[in-house]
Amino acid sequence: MKKRPKLPQQVLEFFRATGAEGGKERAKRLSPQQRSDIAKKAVKAREAKKTAKARLAKARQKSSS
């Protein structure tokens, strides 16, 4: 995996500030149904990640036994 280059602190602060603004603007443009759909998709992704981690841990535990 490639490492990200180190960015100056000013640049990071700018990205954080404009990124937060962008998210708020996007949320204003979305309908309540669209926001709900996005949230549901995020929940499914988190659950899939948890499940995958659990399976991996279980497989590692079996292989080390």
C-alpha atoms as a PDB file:
ATOM      1  CA  MET A   1       0.000   0.000   0.000  1.00  0.00           C
ATOM      2  CA  LYS A   2       1.332   3.431  -0.920  1.00  0.00           C
ATOM      3  CA  LYS A   3       1.973   5.954   1.804  1.00  0.00           C
ATOM      4  CA  ARG A   4       0.390   9.345   1.432  1.00  0.00           C
ATOM      5  CA  PRO A   5       2.806  12.234   1.172  1.00  0.00           C
ATOM      6  CA  LYS A   6       3.009  14.503   4.206  1.00  0.00           C
ATOM      7  CA  LEU A   7       1.140  17.723   3.590  1.00  0.00           C
ATOM      8  CA  PRO A   8       1.803  21.049   5.293  1.00  0.00           C
ATOM      9  CA  GLN A   9      -0.420  21.806   8.279  1.00  0.00           C
ATOM     10  CA  GLN A  10      -2.038  24.777   6.496  1.00  0.00           C
ATOM     11  CA  VAL A  11      -3.114  22.577   3.615  1.00  0.00           C
ATOM     12  CA  LEU A  12      -4.602  19.957   5.966  1.00  0.00           C
ATOM     13  CA  GLU A  13      -6.561  22.629   7.844  1.00  0.00           C
ATOM     14  CA  PHE A  14      -7.899  24.003   4.561  1.00  0.00           C
ATOM     15  CA  PHE A  15      -9.034  20.551   3.424  1.00  0.00           C
ATOM     16  CA  ARG A  16     -10.753  19.895   6.749  1.00  0.00           C
ATOM     17  CA  ALA A  17     -12.598  23.210   6.670  1.00  0.00           C
ATOM     18  CA  THR A  18     -13.740  22.997   3.048  1.00  0.00           C
ATOM     19  CA  GLY A  19     -14.619  19.316   3.342  1.00  0.00           C
ATOM     20  CA  ALA A  20     -16.941  20.012   6.261  1.00  0.00           C
ATOM     21  CA  GLU A  21     -18.605  22.816   4.320  1.00  0.00           C
ATOM     22  CA  GLY A  22     -19.027  20.579   1.311  1.00  0.00           C
ATOM     23  CA  GLY A  23     -20.784  17.906   3.340  1.00  0.00           C
ATOM     24  CA  LYS A  24     -23.269  20.411   4.740  1.00  0.00           C
ATOM     25  CA  GLU A  25     -23.996  21.791   1.289  1.00  0.00           C
ATOM     26  CA  ARG A  26     -24.513  18.316  -0.102  1.00  0.00           C
ATOM     27  CA  ALA A  27     -26.895  17.456   2.722  1.00  0.00           C
ATOM     28  CA  LYS A  28     -28.958  20.558   1.920  1.00  0.00           C
ATOM     29  CA  ARG A  29     -29.364  19.420  -1.685  1.00  0.00           C
ATOM     30  CA  LEU A  30     -30.418  15.862  -0.828  1.00  0.00           C
ATOM     31  CA  SER A  31     -33.998  14.909  -0.132  1.00  0.00           C
ATOM     32  CA  PRO A  32     -34.822  13.221   3.187  1.00  0.00           C
ATOM     33  CA  GLN A  33     -35.281   9.941   1.298  1.00  0.00           C
ATOM     34  CA  GLN A  34     -31.840  10.233  -0.316  1.00  0.00           C
ATOM     35  CA  ARG A  35     -30.210  10.944   3.047  1.00  0.00           C
ATOM     36  CA  SER A  36     -31.995   7.935   4.519  1.00  0.00           C
ATOM     37  CA  ASP A  37     -30.828   5.701   1.670  1.00  0.00           C
ATOM     38  CA  ILE A  38     -27.231   6.871   2.113  1.00  0.00           C
ATOM     39  CA  ALA A  39     -27.407   6.228   5.867  1.00  0.00           C
ATOM     40  CA  LYS A  40     -28.808   2.721   5.316  1.00  0.00           C
ATOM     41  CA  LYS A  41     -26.024   1.961   2.861  1.00  0.00           C
ATOM     42  CA  ALA A  42     -23.455   3.137   5.431  1.00  0.00           C
ATOM     43  CA  VAL A  43     -24.958   0.867   8.103  1.00  0.00           C
ATOM     44  CA  LYS A  44     -24.749  -2.128   5.763  1.00  0.00           C
ATOM     45  CA  ALA A  45     -21.119  -1.311   4.967  1.00  0.00           C
ATOM     46  CA  ARG A  46     -20.213  -1.079   8.657  1.00  0.00           C
ATOM     47  CA  GLU A  47     -21.923  -4.389   9.397  1.00  0.00           C
ATOM     48  CA  ALA A  48     -20.152  -6.070   6.473  1.00  0.00           C
ATOM     49  CA  LYS A  49     -16.825  -4.765   7.766  1.00  0.00           C
ATOM     50  CA  LYS A  50     -17.527  -6.086  11.275  1.00  0.00           C
ATOM     51  CA  THR A  51     -18.553  -9.470   9.874  1.00  0.00           C
ATOM     52  CA  ALA A  52     -15.442  -9.693   7.726  1.00  0.00           C
ATOM     53  CA  LYS A  53     -13.200  -8.828  10.688  1.00  0.00           C
ATOM     54  CA  ALA A  54     -14.915 -11.451  12.835  1.00  0.00           C
ATOM     55  CA  ARG A  55     -14.493 -14.116  10.151  1.00  0.00           C
ATOM     56  CA  LEU A  56     -10.832 -13.212   9.723  1.00  0.00           C
ATOM     57  CA  ALA A  57     -10.202 -13.394  13.466  1.00  0.00           C
ATOM     58  CA  LYS A  58     -11.933 -16.765  13.648  1.00  0.00           C
ATOM     59  CA  ALA A  59      -9.886 -18.099  10.733  1.00  0.00           C
ATOM     60  CA  ARG A  60      -6.653 -16.902  12.313  1.00  0.00           C
ATOM     61  CA  GLN A  61      -7.616 -18.494  15.592  1.00  0.00           C
ATOM     62  CA  LYS A  62      -8.258 -21.839  13.884  1.00  0.00           C
ATOM     63  CA  SER A  63      -4.997 -21.722  11.958  1.00  0.00           C
ATOM     64  CA  SER A  64      -2.948 -20.973  15.064  1.00  0.00           C
ATOM     65  CA  SER A  65      -4.446 -23.917  16.968  1.00  0.00           C
END
